[in-house]
Amino acid sequence: MTTNDKKPKPLVVASNRLPVGLRFTDGVLSLERSSGGLVAAVDGVARDIGCAWVGWPGSPVDPATQQEVVAALAAQRLHPVFLGAEEEAQYYRRLANETIWPLFHYFADKSSFDEQAWRSYVA
């Protein structure tokens, strides 16, 4: 078997955000494709090989509608991680934006660490 005969390995993308945003209009759920850098870089390959994508849907989702959201996203192999408003503030705004992003973009001097935000991230 040559390397050309091999099927691509499954890909799982784990990112902060899913490549779609959620919108409820008059109680009807719709998905809107995101335009972020990671989505633009990975989306074509992800669709070609049928990857699974795990991440936050971009806004808090009422527990009463979470199953509907899971079903709508599953059709596109998207798997949501639901966060409440406080978790989003601690994990995303504080840890991701104030600690991790500066470290990985050569701004270590602008990075700050907060133990409460870290605990939220771990949870």
PDB file of N, CA and C in Angstrom:
ATOM      1  N   MET A   1       0.853  -1.171   0.000  1.00  0.00           N
ATOM      2  CA  MET A   1       0.000   0.000   0.000  1.00  0.00           C
ATOM      3  C   MET A   1       0.900   1.236   0.000  1.00  0.00           C
ATOM      4  N   THR A   2       0.639   2.153  -0.892  1.00  0.00           N
ATOM      5  CA  THR A   2       1.400   3.391  -0.932  1.00  0.00           C
ATOM      6  C   THR A   2       0.748   4.419  -0.023  1.00  0.00           C
ATOM      7  N   THR A   3       1.459   5.504   0.235  1.00  0.00           N
ATOM      8  CA  THR A   3       0.886   6.545   1.092  1.00  0.00           C
ATOM      9  C   THR A   3      -0.341   7.171   0.454  1.00  0.00           C
ATOM     10  N   ASN A   4      -0.457   7.138  -0.863  1.00  0.00           N
ATOM     11  CA  ASN A   4      -1.636   7.699  -1.544  1.00  0.00           C
ATOM     12  C   ASN A   4      -2.885   6.858  -1.316  1.00  0.00           C
ATOM     13  N   ASP A   5      -2.691   5.569  -0.957  1.00  0.00           N
ATOM     14  CA  ASP A   5      -3.822   4.675  -0.750  1.00  0.00           C
ATOM     15  C   ASP A   5      -4.410   4.769   0.652  1.00  0.00           C
ATOM     16  N   LYS A   6      -3.729   5.431   1.544  1.00  0.00           N
ATOM     17  CA  LYS A   6      -4.193   5.503   2.930  1.00  0.00           C
ATOM     18  C   LYS A   6      -5.281   6.551   3.086  1.00  0.00           C
ATOM     19  N   LYS A   7      -6.272   6.199   3.878  1.00  0.00           N
ATOM     20  CA  LYS A   7      -7.322   7.167   4.202  1.00  0.00           C
ATOM     21  C   LYS A   7      -6.791   8.148   5.231  1.00  0.00           C
ATOM     22  N   PRO A   8      -7.250   9.406   5.189  1.00  0.00           N
ATOM     23  CA  PRO A   8      -6.814  10.343   6.228  1.00  0.00           C
ATOM     24  C   PRO A   8      -7.332   9.915   7.594  1.00  0.00           C
ATOM     25  N   LYS A   9      -6.543  10.178   8.600  1.00  0.00           N
ATOM     26  CA  LYS A   9      -6.937   9.876   9.969  1.00  0.00           C
ATOM     27  C   LYS A   9      -8.035  10.845  10.389  1.00  0.00           C
ATOM     28  N   PRO A  10      -8.947  10.388  11.255  1.00  0.00           N
ATOM     29  CA  PRO A  10      -9.973  11.305  11.751  1.00  0.00           C
ATOM     30  C   PRO A  10      -9.326  12.478  12.488  1.00  0.00           C
ATOM     31  N   LEU A  11      -9.931  13.619  12.372  1.00  0.00           N
ATOM     32  CA  LEU A  11      -9.431  14.827  13.010  1.00  0.00           C
ATOM     33  C   LEU A  11     -10.466  15.325  14.004  1.00  0.00           C
ATOM     34  N   VAL A  12     -10.010  15.673  15.194  1.00  0.00           N
ATOM     35  CA  VAL A  12     -10.867  16.304  16.191  1.00  0.00           C
ATOM     36  C   VAL A  12     -10.274  17.670  16.474  1.00  0.00           C
ATOM     37  N   VAL A  13     -11.047  18.712  16.227  1.00  0.00           N
ATOM     38  CA  VAL A  13     -10.621  20.073  16.523  1.00  0.00           C
ATOM     39  C   VAL A  13     -11.240  20.447  17.863  1.00  0.00           C
ATOM     40  N   ALA A  14     -10.408  20.821  18.803  1.00  0.00           N
ATOM     41  CA  ALA A  14     -10.875  21.301  20.105  1.00  0.00           C
ATOM     42  C   ALA A  14     -10.445  22.752  20.209  1.00  0.00           C
ATOM     43  N   SER A  15     -11.399  23.643  20.225  1.00  0.00           N
ATOM     44  CA  SER A  15     -11.090  25.068  20.276  1.00  0.00           C
ATOM     45  C   SER A  15     -12.041  25.758  21.237  1.00  0.00           C
ATOM     46  N   ASN A  16     -11.737  26.995  21.526  1.00  0.00           N
ATOM     47  CA  ASN A  16     -12.614  27.746  22.416  1.00  0.00           C
ATOM     48  C   ASN A  16     -14.024  27.814  21.840  1.00  0.00           C
ATOM     49  N   ARG A  17     -14.147  28.167  20.574  1.00  0.00           N
ATOM     50  CA  ARG A  17     -15.465  28.361  19.959  1.00  0.00           C
ATOM     51  C   ARG A  17     -15.703  27.360  18.844  1.00  0.00           C
ATOM     52  N   LEU A  18     -16.940  26.986  18.686  1.00  0.00           N
ATOM     53  CA  LEU A  18     -17.349  26.194  17.540  1.00  0.00           C
ATOM     54  C   LEU A  18     -17.306  27.082  16.293  1.00  0.00           C
ATOM     55  N   PRO A  19     -17.279  26.499  15.114  1.00  0.00           N
ATOM     56  CA  PRO A  19     -17.225  27.318  13.898  1.00  0.00           C
ATOM     57  C   PRO A  19     -18.577  27.909  13.496  1.00  0.00           C
ATOM     58  N   VAL A  20     -19.539  27.843  14.400  1.00  0.00           N
ATOM     59  CA  VAL A  20     -20.850  28.437  14.154  1.00  0.00           C
ATOM     60  C   VAL A  20     -21.291  29.210  15.388  1.00  0.00           C
ATOM     61  N   GLY A  21     -22.146  30.157  15.179  1.00  0.00           N
ATOM     62  CA  GLY A  21     -22.810  30.849  16.264  1.00  0.00           C
ATOM     63  C   GLY A  21     -24.270  30.430  16.278  1.00  0.00           C
ATOM     64  N   LEU A  22     -24.906  30.558  17.417  1.00  0.00           N
ATOM     65  CA  LEU A  22     -26.317  30.198  17.559  1.00  0.00           C
ATOM     66  C   LEU A  22     -27.172  31.448  17.542  1.00  0.00           C
ATOM     67  N   ARG A  23     -28.332  31.335  16.926  1.00  0.00           N
ATOM     68  CA  ARG A  23     -29.280  32.438  16.964  1.00  0.00           C
ATOM     69  C   ARG A  23     -30.679  31.849  17.139  1.00  0.00           C
ATOM     70  N   PHE A  24     -31.373  32.354  18.138  1.00  0.00           N
ATOM     71  CA  PHE A  24     -32.773  31.994  18.341  1.00  0.00           C
ATOM     72  C   PHE A  24     -33.617  33.190  17.939  1.00  0.00           C
ATOM     73  N   THR A  25     -34.446  33.022  16.919  1.00  0.00           N
ATOM     74  CA  THR A  25     -35.348  34.072  16.470  1.00  0.00           C
ATOM     75  C   THR A  25     -36.772  33.543  16.581  1.00  0.00           C
ATOM     76  N   ASP A  26     -37.559  34.182  17.428  1.00  0.00           N
ATOM     77  CA  ASP A  26     -38.929  33.725  17.677  1.00  0.00           C
ATOM     78  C   ASP A  26     -38.957  32.247  18.051  1.00  0.00           C
ATOM     79  N   GLY A  27     -37.977  31.824  18.849  1.00  0.00           N
ATOM     80  CA  GLY A  27     -37.923  30.453  19.328  1.00  0.00           C
ATOM     81  C   GLY A  27     -37.361  29.442  18.341  1.00  0.00           C
ATOM     82  N   VAL A  28     -36.948  29.900  17.156  1.00  0.00           N
ATOM     83  CA  VAL A  28     -36.410  28.994  16.139  1.00  0.00           C
ATOM     84  C   VAL A  28     -34.888  29.126  16.104  1.00  0.00           C
ATOM     85  N   LEU A  29     -34.205  28.002  16.209  1.00  0.00           N
ATOM     86  CA  LEU A  29     -32.745  27.970  16.229  1.00  0.00           C
ATOM     87  C   LEU A  29     -32.192  27.987  14.814  1.00  0.00           C
ATOM     88  N   SER A  30     -31.194  28.841  14.596  1.00  0.00           N
ATOM     89  CA  SER A  30     -30.444  28.805  13.343  1.00  0.00           C
ATOM     90  C   SER A  30     -28.961  28.887  13.679  1.00  0.00           C
ATOM     91  N   LEU A  31     -28.137  28.320  12.804  1.00  0.00           N
ATOM     92  CA  LEU A  31     -26.692  28.311  12.971  1.00  0.00           C
ATOM     93  C   LEU A  31     -26.080  29.232  11.928  1.00  0.00           C
ATOM     94  N   GLU A  32     -25.131  30.056  12.366  1.00  0.00           N
ATOM     95  CA  GLU A  32     -24.474  30.981  11.451  1.00  0.00           C
ATOM     96  C   GLU A  32     -22.981  30.703  11.465  1.00  0.00           C
ATOM     97  N   ARG A  33     -22.404  30.460  10.297  1.00  0.00           N
ATOM     98  CA  ARG A  33     -20.977  30.147  10.193  1.00  0.00           C
ATOM     99  C   ARG A  33     -20.146  31.305  10.710  1.00  0.00           C
ATOM    100  N   SER A  34     -19.150  31.015  11.533  1.00  0.00           N
ATOM    101  CA  SER A  34     -18.238  32.031  12.052  1.00  0.00           C
ATOM    102  C   SER A  34     -17.185  32.353  11.000  1.00  0.00           C
ATOM    103  N   SER A  35     -16.553  33.513  11.173  1.00  0.00           N
ATOM    104  CA  SER A  35     -15.546  33.920  10.198  1.00  0.00           C
ATOM    105  C   SER A  35     -14.165  34.091  10.823  1.00  0.00           C
ATOM    106  N   GLY A  36     -13.920  33.477  11.969  1.00  0.00           N
ATOM    107  CA  GLY A  36     -12.638  33.631  12.651  1.00  0.00           C
ATOM    108  C   GLY A  36     -11.486  32.972  11.912  1.00  0.00           C
ATOM    109  N   GLY A  37     -10.267  33.287  12.334  1.00  0.00           N
ATOM    110  CA  GLY A  37      -9.066  32.784  11.695  1.00  0.00           C
ATOM    111  C   GLY A  37      -8.939  31.272  11.728  1.00  0.00           C
ATOM    112  N   LEU A  38      -9.240  30.651  12.874  1.00  0.00           N
ATOM    113  CA  LEU A  38      -9.142  29.202  12.964  1.00  0.00           C
ATOM    114  C   LEU A  38     -10.166  28.540  12.055  1.00  0.00           C
ATOM    115  N   VAL A  39     -11.372  29.076  12.018  1.00  0.00           N
ATOM    116  CA  VAL A  39     -12.410  28.520  11.150  1.00  0.00           C
ATOM    117  C   VAL A  39     -11.958  28.601   9.701  1.00  0.00           C
ATOM    118  N   ALA A  40     -11.444  29.742   9.287  1.00  0.00           N
ATOM    119  CA  ALA A  40     -10.994  29.905   7.910  1.00  0.00           C
ATOM    120  C   ALA A  40      -9.858  28.948   7.573  1.00  0.00           C
ATOM    121  N   ALA A  41      -8.953  28.731   8.523  1.00  0.00           N
ATOM    122  CA  ALA A  41      -7.794  27.876   8.276  1.00  0.00           C
ATOM    123  C   ALA A  41      -8.138  26.392   8.241  1.00  0.00           C
ATOM    124  N   VAL A  42      -9.080  25.963   9.051  1.00  0.00           N
ATOM    125  CA  VAL A  42      -9.338  24.537   9.238  1.00  0.00           C
ATOM    126  C   VAL A  42     -10.606  24.059   8.533  1.00  0.00           C
ATOM    127  N   ASP A  43     -11.535  24.933   8.289  1.00  0.00           N
ATOM    128  CA  ASP A  43     -12.874  24.535   7.848  1.00  0.00           C
ATOM    129  C   ASP A  43     -12.881  23.686   6.580  1.00  0.00           C
ATOM    130  N   GLY A  44     -12.152  24.063   5.563  1.00  0.00           N
ATOM    131  CA  GLY A  44     -12.153  23.292   4.319  1.00  0.00           C
ATOM    132  C   GLY A  44     -11.653  21.880   4.520  1.00  0.00           C
ATOM    133  N   VAL A  45     -10.550  21.742   5.214  1.00  0.00           N
ATOM    134  CA  VAL A  45     -10.000  20.414   5.504  1.00  0.00           C
ATOM    135  C   VAL A  45     -10.967  19.644   6.390  1.00  0.00           C
ATOM    136  N   ALA A  46     -11.523  20.311   7.376  1.00  0.00           N
ATOM    137  CA  ALA A  46     -12.448  19.659   8.298  1.00  0.00           C
ATOM    138  C   ALA A  46     -13.651  19.093   7.549  1.00  0.00           C
ATOM    139  N   ARG A  47     -14.169  19.838   6.610  1.00  0.00           N
ATOM    140  CA  ARG A  47     -15.329  19.352   5.851  1.00  0.00           C
ATOM    141  C   ARG A  47     -14.941  18.197   4.930  1.00  0.00           C
ATOM    142  N   ASP A  48     -13.750  18.288   4.310  1.00  0.00           N
ATOM    143  CA  ASP A  48     -13.315  17.246   3.381  1.00  0.00           C
ATOM    144  C   ASP A  48     -13.137  15.894   4.059  1.00  0.00           C
ATOM    145  N   ILE A  49     -12.586  15.889   5.260  1.00  0.00           N
ATOM    146  CA  ILE A  49     -12.316  14.609   5.912  1.00  0.00           C
ATOM    147  C   ILE A  49     -13.330  14.285   7.009  1.00  0.00           C
ATOM    148  N   GLY A  50     -14.298  15.176   7.212  1.00  0.00           N
ATOM    149  CA  GLY A  50     -15.361  14.895   8.171  1.00  0.00           C
ATOM    150  C   GLY A  50     -14.916  14.920   9.617  1.00  0.00           C
ATOM    151  N   CYS A  51     -14.242  15.965  10.007  1.00  0.00           N
ATOM    152  CA  CYS A  51     -13.746  16.036  11.386  1.00  0.00           C
ATOM    153  C   CYS A  51     -14.863  16.339  12.369  1.00  0.00           C
ATOM    154  N   ALA A  52     -14.578  16.068  13.620  1.00  0.00           N
ATOM    155  CA  ALA A  52     -15.457  16.467  14.719  1.00  0.00           C
ATOM    156  C   ALA A  52     -14.869  17.728  15.339  1.00  0.00           C
ATOM    157  N   TRP A  53     -15.725  18.629  15.753  1.00  0.00           N
ATOM    158  CA  TRP A  53     -15.266  19.898  16.324  1.00  0.00           C
ATOM    159  C   TRP A  53     -15.926  20.065  17.685  1.00  0.00           C
ATOM    160  N   VAL A  54     -15.114  20.334  18.723  1.00  0.00           N
ATOM    161  CA  VAL A  54     -15.598  20.483  20.087  1.00  0.00           C
ATOM    162  C   VAL A  54     -15.309  21.898  20.549  1.00  0.00           C
ATOM    163  N   GLY A  55     -16.306  22.573  21.118  1.00  0.00           N
ATOM    164  CA  GLY A  55     -16.070  23.920  21.622  1.00  0.00           C
ATOM    165  C   GLY A  55     -17.334  24.550  22.180  1.00  0.00           C
ATOM    166  N   TRP A  56     -17.166  25.756  22.634  1.00  0.00           N
ATOM    167  CA  TRP A  56     -18.262  26.537  23.195  1.00  0.00           C
ATOM    168  C   TRP A  56     -19.097  27.117  22.051  1.00  0.00           C
ATOM    169  N   PRO A  57     -20.421  27.106  22.148  1.00  0.00           N
ATOM    170  CA  PRO A  57     -21.237  27.633  21.067  1.00  0.00           C
ATOM    171  C   PRO A  57     -21.278  29.164  20.994  1.00  0.00           C
ATOM    172  N   GLY A  58     -20.588  29.848  21.891  1.00  0.00           N
ATOM    173  CA  GLY A  58     -20.468  31.295  21.774  1.00  0.00           C
ATOM    174  C   GLY A  58     -21.371  32.117  22.654  1.00  0.00           C
ATOM    175  N   SER A  59     -22.309  31.463  23.309  1.00  0.00           N
ATOM    176  CA  SER A  59     -23.192  32.172  24.230  1.00  0.00           C
ATOM    177  C   SER A  59     -23.799  31.156  25.188  1.00  0.00           C
ATOM    178  N   PRO A  60     -24.250  31.641  26.348  1.00  0.00           N
ATOM    179  CA  PRO A  60     -24.923  30.709  27.265  1.00  0.00           C
ATOM    180  C   PRO A  60     -26.189  30.147  26.608  1.00  0.00           C
ATOM    181  N   VAL A  61     -26.465  28.880  26.861  1.00  0.00           N
ATOM    182  CA  VAL A  61     -27.652  28.225  26.301  1.00  0.00           C
ATOM    183  C   VAL A  61     -28.519  27.761  27.460  1.00  0.00           C
ATOM    184  N   ASP A  62     -29.758  28.165  27.441  1.00  0.00           N
ATOM    185  CA  ASP A  62     -30.718  27.769  28.472  1.00  0.00           C
ATOM    186  C   ASP A  62     -30.773  26.244  28.547  1.00  0.00           C
ATOM    187  N   PRO A  63     -30.707  25.672  29.745  1.00  0.00           N
ATOM    188  CA  PRO A  63     -30.767  24.209  29.860  1.00  0.00           C
ATOM    189  C   PRO A  63     -31.971  23.587  29.157  1.00  0.00           C
ATOM    190  N   ALA A  64     -33.089  24.307  29.072  1.00  0.00           N
ATOM    191  CA  ALA A  64     -34.277  23.774  28.417  1.00  0.00           C
ATOM    192  C   ALA A  64     -34.082  23.594  26.908  1.00  0.00           C
ATOM    193  N   THR A  65     -33.128  24.306  26.306  1.00  0.00           N
ATOM    194  CA  THR A  65     -32.911  24.198  24.854  1.00  0.00           C
ATOM    195  C   THR A  65     -31.603  23.498  24.497  1.00  0.00           C
ATOM    196  N   GLN A  66     -30.859  23.033  25.487  1.00  0.00           N
ATOM    197  CA  GLN A  66     -29.559  22.420  25.200  1.00  0.00           C
ATOM    198  C   GLN A  66     -29.679  21.173  24.329  1.00  0.00           C
ATOM    199  N   GLN A  67     -30.674  20.343  24.538  1.00  0.00           N
ATOM    200  CA  GLN A  67     -30.814  19.130  23.704  1.00  0.00           C
ATOM    201  C   GLN A  67     -31.098  19.500  22.253  1.00  0.00           C
ATOM    202  N   GLU A  68     -31.902  20.524  22.032  1.00  0.00           N
ATOM    203  CA  GLU A  68     -32.170  20.986  20.665  1.00  0.00           C
ATOM    204  C   GLU A  68     -30.879  21.461  20.006  1.00  0.00           C
ATOM    205  N   VAL A  69     -30.065  22.193  20.759  1.00  0.00           N
ATOM    206  CA  VAL A  69     -28.786  22.684  20.244  1.00  0.00           C
ATOM    207  C   VAL A  69     -27.855  21.514  19.936  1.00  0.00           C
ATOM    208  N   VAL A  70     -27.770  20.547  20.844  1.00  0.00           N
ATOM    209  CA  VAL A  70     -26.924  19.370  20.623  1.00  0.00           C
ATOM    210  C   VAL A  70     -27.328  18.665  19.330  1.00  0.00           C
ATOM    211  N   ALA A  71     -28.624  18.463  19.123  1.00  0.00           N
ATOM    212  CA  ALA A  71     -29.108  17.762  17.926  1.00  0.00           C
ATOM    213  C   ALA A  71     -28.788  18.549  16.656  1.00  0.00           C
ATOM    214  N   ALA A  72     -29.003  19.860  16.674  1.00  0.00           N
ATOM    215  CA  ALA A  72     -28.731  20.682  15.489  1.00  0.00           C
ATOM    216  C   ALA A  72     -27.242  20.686  15.160  1.00  0.00           C
ATOM    217  N   LEU A  73     -26.395  20.756  16.177  1.00  0.00           N
ATOM    218  CA  LEU A  73     -24.953  20.773  15.951  1.00  0.00           C
ATOM    219  C   LEU A  73     -24.423  19.405  15.537  1.00  0.00           C
ATOM    220  N   ALA A  74     -25.002  18.337  16.061  1.00  0.00           N
ATOM    221  CA  ALA A  74     -24.536  16.983  15.747  1.00  0.00           C
ATOM    222  C   ALA A  74     -24.624  16.690  14.256  1.00  0.00           C
ATOM    223  N   ALA A  75     -25.602  17.282  13.584  1.00  0.00           N
ATOM    224  CA  ALA A  75     -25.745  17.076  12.147  1.00  0.00           C
ATOM    225  C   ALA A  75     -24.513  17.565  11.380  1.00  0.00           C
ATOM    226  N   GLN A  76     -23.754  18.481  11.986  1.00  0.00           N
ATOM    227  CA  GLN A  76     -22.534  19.004  11.358  1.00  0.00           C
ATOM    228  C   GLN A  76     -21.275  18.495  12.068  1.00  0.00           C
ATOM    229  N   ARG A  77     -21.418  17.479  12.903  1.00  0.00           N
ATOM    230  CA  ARG A  77     -20.323  16.898  13.694  1.00  0.00           C
ATOM    231  C   ARG A  77     -19.691  17.928  14.623  1.00  0.00           C
ATOM    232  N   LEU A  78     -20.527  18.782  15.174  1.00  0.00           N
ATOM    233  CA  LEU A  78     -20.097  19.792  16.134  1.00  0.00           C
ATOM    234  C   LEU A  78     -20.610  19.380  17.509  1.00  0.00           C
ATOM    235  N   HIS A  79     -19.758  19.522  18.518  1.00  0.00           N
ATOM    236  CA  HIS A  79     -20.083  19.056  19.859  1.00  0.00           C
ATOM    237  C   HIS A  79     -19.887  20.205  20.848  1.00  0.00           C
ATOM    238  N   PRO A  80     -20.982  20.715  21.404  1.00  0.00           N
ATOM    239  CA  PRO A  80     -20.882  21.888  22.271  1.00  0.00           C
ATOM    240  C   PRO A  80     -20.423  21.571  23.688  1.00  0.00           C
ATOM    241  N   VAL A  81     -19.705  22.516  24.243  1.00  0.00           N
ATOM    242  CA  VAL A  81     -19.384  22.539  25.665  1.00  0.00           C
ATOM    243  C   VAL A  81     -20.137  23.746  26.211  1.00  0.00           C
ATOM    244  N   PHE A  82     -21.158  23.505  27.003  1.00  0.00           N
ATOM    245  CA  PHE A  82     -21.985  24.592  27.502  1.00  0.00           C
ATOM    246  C   PHE A  82     -21.332  25.249  28.713  1.00  0.00           C
ATOM    247  N   LEU A  83     -21.273  26.563  28.693  1.00  0.00           N
ATOM    248  CA  LEU A  83     -20.735  27.353  29.788  1.00  0.00           C
ATOM    249  C   LEU A  83     -21.784  28.348  30.236  1.00  0.00           C
ATOM    250  N   GLY A  84     -21.875  28.547  31.537  1.00  0.00           N
ATOM    251  CA  GLY A  84     -22.719  29.610  32.058  1.00  0.00           C
ATOM    252  C   GLY A  84     -21.993  30.945  31.927  1.00  0.00           C
ATOM    253  N   ALA A  85     -22.677  32.018  32.205  1.00  0.00           N
ATOM    254  CA  ALA A  85     -22.086  33.356  32.060  1.00  0.00           C
ATOM    255  C   ALA A  85     -20.854  33.528  32.948  1.00  0.00           C
ATOM    256  N   GLU A  86     -20.903  33.018  34.180  1.00  0.00           N
ATOM    257  CA  GLU A  86     -19.752  33.163  35.081  1.00  0.00           C
ATOM    258  C   GLU A  86     -18.571  32.326  34.610  1.00  0.00           C
ATOM    259  N   GLU A  87     -18.843  31.106  34.153  1.00  0.00           N
ATOM    260  CA  GLU A  87     -17.766  30.259  33.620  1.00  0.00           C
ATOM    261  C   GLU A  87     -17.120  30.915  32.403  1.00  0.00           C
ATOM    262  N   GLU A  88     -17.942  31.480  31.546  1.00  0.00           N
ATOM    263  CA  GLU A  88     -17.415  32.142  30.354  1.00  0.00           C
ATOM    264  C   GLU A  88     -16.542  33.315  30.745  1.00  0.00           C
ATOM    265  N   ALA A  89     -16.972  34.085  31.729  1.00  0.00           N
ATOM    266  CA  ALA A  89     -16.188  35.237  32.169  1.00  0.00           C
ATOM    267  C   ALA A  89     -14.853  34.800  32.755  1.00  0.00           C
ATOM    268  N   GLN A  90     -14.882  33.781  33.607  1.00  0.00           N
ATOM    269  CA  GLN A  90     -13.647  33.311  34.254  1.00  0.00           C
ATOM    270  C   GLN A  90     -12.712  32.627  33.255  1.00  0.00           C
ATOM    271  N   TYR A  91     -13.245  31.641  32.559  1.00  0.00           N
ATOM    272  CA  TYR A  91     -12.412  30.841  31.670  1.00  0.00           C
ATOM    273  C   TYR A  91     -11.971  31.632  30.439  1.00  0.00           C
ATOM    274  N   TYR A  92     -12.930  32.197  29.724  1.00  0.00           N
ATOM    275  CA  TYR A  92     -12.584  32.812  28.446  1.00  0.00           C
ATOM    276  C   TYR A  92     -12.001  34.213  28.604  1.00  0.00           C
ATOM    277  N   ARG A  93     -12.768  35.088  29.201  1.00  0.00           N
ATOM    278  CA  ARG A  93     -12.303  36.483  29.290  1.00  0.00           C
ATOM    279  C   ARG A  93     -11.056  36.611  30.148  1.00  0.00           C
ATOM    280  N   ARG A  94     -11.025  35.896  31.261  1.00  0.00           N
ATOM    281  CA  ARG A  94      -9.888  36.069  32.174  1.00  0.00           C
ATOM    282  C   ARG A  94      -8.728  35.153  31.809  1.00  0.00           C
ATOM    283  N   LEU A  95      -8.917  33.837  31.852  1.00  0.00           N
ATOM    284  CA  LEU A  95      -7.778  32.944  31.645  1.00  0.00           C
ATOM    285  C   LEU A  95      -7.305  32.935  30.185  1.00  0.00           C
ATOM    286  N   ALA A  96      -8.213  32.702  29.263  1.00  0.00           N
ATOM    287  CA  ALA A  96      -7.804  32.606  27.860  1.00  0.00           C
ATOM    288  C   ALA A  96      -7.249  33.931  27.343  1.00  0.00           C
ATOM    289  N   ASN A  97      -7.956  35.018  27.601  1.00  0.00           N
ATOM    290  CA  ASN A  97      -7.546  36.306  27.039  1.00  0.00           C
ATOM    291  C   ASN A  97      -6.448  37.012  27.822  1.00  0.00           C
ATOM    292  N   GLU A  98      -6.427  36.848  29.135  1.00  0.00           N
ATOM    293  CA  GLU A  98      -5.453  37.583  29.947  1.00  0.00           C
ATOM    294  C   GLU A  98      -4.210  36.775  30.308  1.00  0.00           C
ATOM    295  N   THR A  99      -4.278  35.439  30.153  1.00  0.00           N
ATOM    296  CA  THR A  99      -3.124  34.605  30.499  1.00  0.00           C
ATOM    297  C   THR A  99      -2.593  33.864  29.279  1.00  0.00           C
ATOM    298  N   ILE A 100      -3.409  32.994  28.702  1.00  0.00           N
ATOM    299  CA  ILE A 100      -2.932  32.111  27.635  1.00  0.00           C
ATOM    300  C   ILE A 100      -2.614  32.872  26.346  1.00  0.00           C
ATOM    301  N   TRP A 101      -3.520  33.724  25.875  1.00  0.00           N
ATOM    302  CA  TRP A 101      -3.285  34.429  24.611  1.00  0.00           C
ATOM    303  C   TRP A 101      -1.993  35.240  24.650  1.00  0.00           C
ATOM    304  N   PRO A 102      -1.767  36.063  25.660  1.00  0.00           N
ATOM    305  CA  PRO A 102      -0.505  36.820  25.671  1.00  0.00           C
ATOM    306  C   PRO A 102       0.737  35.917  25.691  1.00  0.00           C
ATOM    307  N   LEU A 103       0.676  34.811  26.418  1.00  0.00           N
ATOM    308  CA  LEU A 103       1.832  33.905  26.481  1.00  0.00           C
ATOM    309  C   LEU A 103       2.179  33.324  25.114  1.00  0.00           C
ATOM    310  N   PHE A 104       1.177  32.933  24.359  1.00  0.00           N
ATOM    311  CA  PHE A 104       1.415  32.293  23.068  1.00  0.00           C
ATOM    312  C   PHE A 104       1.547  33.279  21.912  1.00  0.00           C
ATOM    313  N   HIS A 105       1.464  34.549  22.193  1.00  0.00           N
ATOM    314  CA  HIS A 105       1.640  35.569  21.148  1.00  0.00           C
ATOM    315  C   HIS A 105       2.766  36.535  21.504  1.00  0.00           C
ATOM    316  N   TYR A 106       3.716  36.046  22.283  1.00  0.00           N
ATOM    317  CA  TYR A 106       4.946  36.781  22.599  1.00  0.00           C
ATOM    318  C   TYR A 106       4.715  38.061  23.391  1.00  0.00           C
ATOM    319  N   PHE A 107       3.702  38.068  24.229  1.00  0.00           N
ATOM    320  CA  PHE A 107       3.434  39.205  25.111  1.00  0.00           C
ATOM    321  C   PHE A 107       3.421  38.726  26.564  1.00  0.00           C
ATOM    322  N   ALA A 108       4.417  37.953  26.929  1.00  0.00           N
ATOM    323  CA  ALA A 108       4.456  37.380  28.281  1.00  0.00           C
ATOM    324  C   ALA A 108       4.386  38.457  29.353  1.00  0.00           C
ATOM    325  N   ASP A 109       4.921  39.639  29.070  1.00  0.00           N
ATOM    326  CA  ASP A 109       4.894  40.720  30.052  1.00  0.00           C
ATOM    327  C   ASP A 109       3.480  41.243  30.296  1.00  0.00           C
ATOM    328  N   LYS A 110       2.565  40.975  29.388  1.00  0.00           N
ATOM    329  CA  LYS A 110       1.179  41.430  29.538  1.00  0.00           C
ATOM    330  C   LYS A 110       0.270  40.328  30.097  1.00  0.00           C
ATOM    331  N   SER A 111       0.837  39.151  30.329  1.00  0.00           N
ATOM    332  CA  SER A 111       0.075  38.025  30.840  1.00  0.00           C
ATOM    333  C   SER A 111      -0.139  38.167  32.349  1.00  0.00           C
ATOM    334  N   SER A 112      -1.337  37.853  32.797  1.00  0.00           N
ATOM    335  CA  SER A 112      -1.608  37.849  34.230  1.00  0.00           C
ATOM    336  C   SER A 112      -2.295  36.533  34.580  1.00  0.00           C
ATOM    337  N   PHE A 113      -2.068  36.082  35.792  1.00  0.00           N
ATOM    338  CA  PHE A 113      -2.626  34.803  36.223  1.00  0.00           C
ATOM    339  C   PHE A 113      -3.542  35.030  37.407  1.00  0.00           C
ATOM    340  N   ASP A 114      -4.719  34.402  37.355  1.00  0.00           N
ATOM    341  CA  ASP A 114      -5.686  34.483  38.438  1.00  0.00           C
ATOM    342  C   ASP A 114      -6.097  33.057  38.797  1.00  0.00           C
ATOM    343  N   GLU A 115      -5.897  32.688  40.055  1.00  0.00           N
ATOM    344  CA  GLU A 115      -6.164  31.313  40.469  1.00  0.00           C
ATOM    345  C   GLU A 115      -7.634  30.926  40.306  1.00  0.00           C
ATOM    346  N   GLN A 116      -8.545  31.841  40.574  1.00  0.00           N
ATOM    347  CA  GLN A 116      -9.973  31.538  40.412  1.00  0.00           C
ATOM    348  C   GLN A 116     -10.291  31.256  38.946  1.00  0.00           C
ATOM    349  N   ALA A 117      -9.732  32.040  38.032  1.00  0.00           N
ATOM    350  CA  ALA A 117      -9.940  31.795  36.608  1.00  0.00           C
ATOM    351  C   ALA A 117      -9.367  30.446  36.203  1.00  0.00           C
ATOM    352  N   TRP A 118      -8.209  30.087  36.759  1.00  0.00           N
ATOM    353  CA  TRP A 118      -7.604  28.792  36.470  1.00  0.00           C
ATOM    354  C   TRP A 118      -8.512  27.656  36.933  1.00  0.00           C
ATOM    355  N   ARG A 119      -9.079  27.757  38.126  1.00  0.00           N
ATOM    356  CA  ARG A 119      -9.970  26.716  38.637  1.00  0.00           C
ATOM    357  C   ARG A 119     -11.206  26.564  37.729  1.00  0.00           C
ATOM    358  N   SER A 120     -11.705  27.672  37.213  1.00  0.00           N
ATOM    359  CA  SER A 120     -12.840  27.617  36.292  1.00  0.00           C
ATOM    360  C   SER A 120     -12.453  26.899  35.008  1.00  0.00           C
ATOM    361  N   TYR A 121     -11.270  27.178  34.519  1.00  0.00           N
ATOM    362  CA  TYR A 121     -10.768  26.517  33.309  1.00  0.00           C
ATOM    363  C   TYR A 121     -10.636  25.013  33.534  1.00  0.00           C
ATOM    364  N   VAL A 122     -10.057  24.619  34.650  1.00  0.00           N
ATOM    365  CA  VAL A 122      -9.879  23.198  34.945  1.00  0.00           C
ATOM    366  C   VAL A 122     -11.233  22.503  35.044  1.00  0.00           C
ATOM    367  N   ALA A 123     -12.209  23.161  35.683  1.00  0.00           N
ATOM    368  CA  ALA A 123     -13.556  22.573  35.815  1.00  0.00           C
ATOM    369  C   ALA A 123     -14.201  22.392  34.467  1.00  0.00           C
TER     370      ALA A 123
END
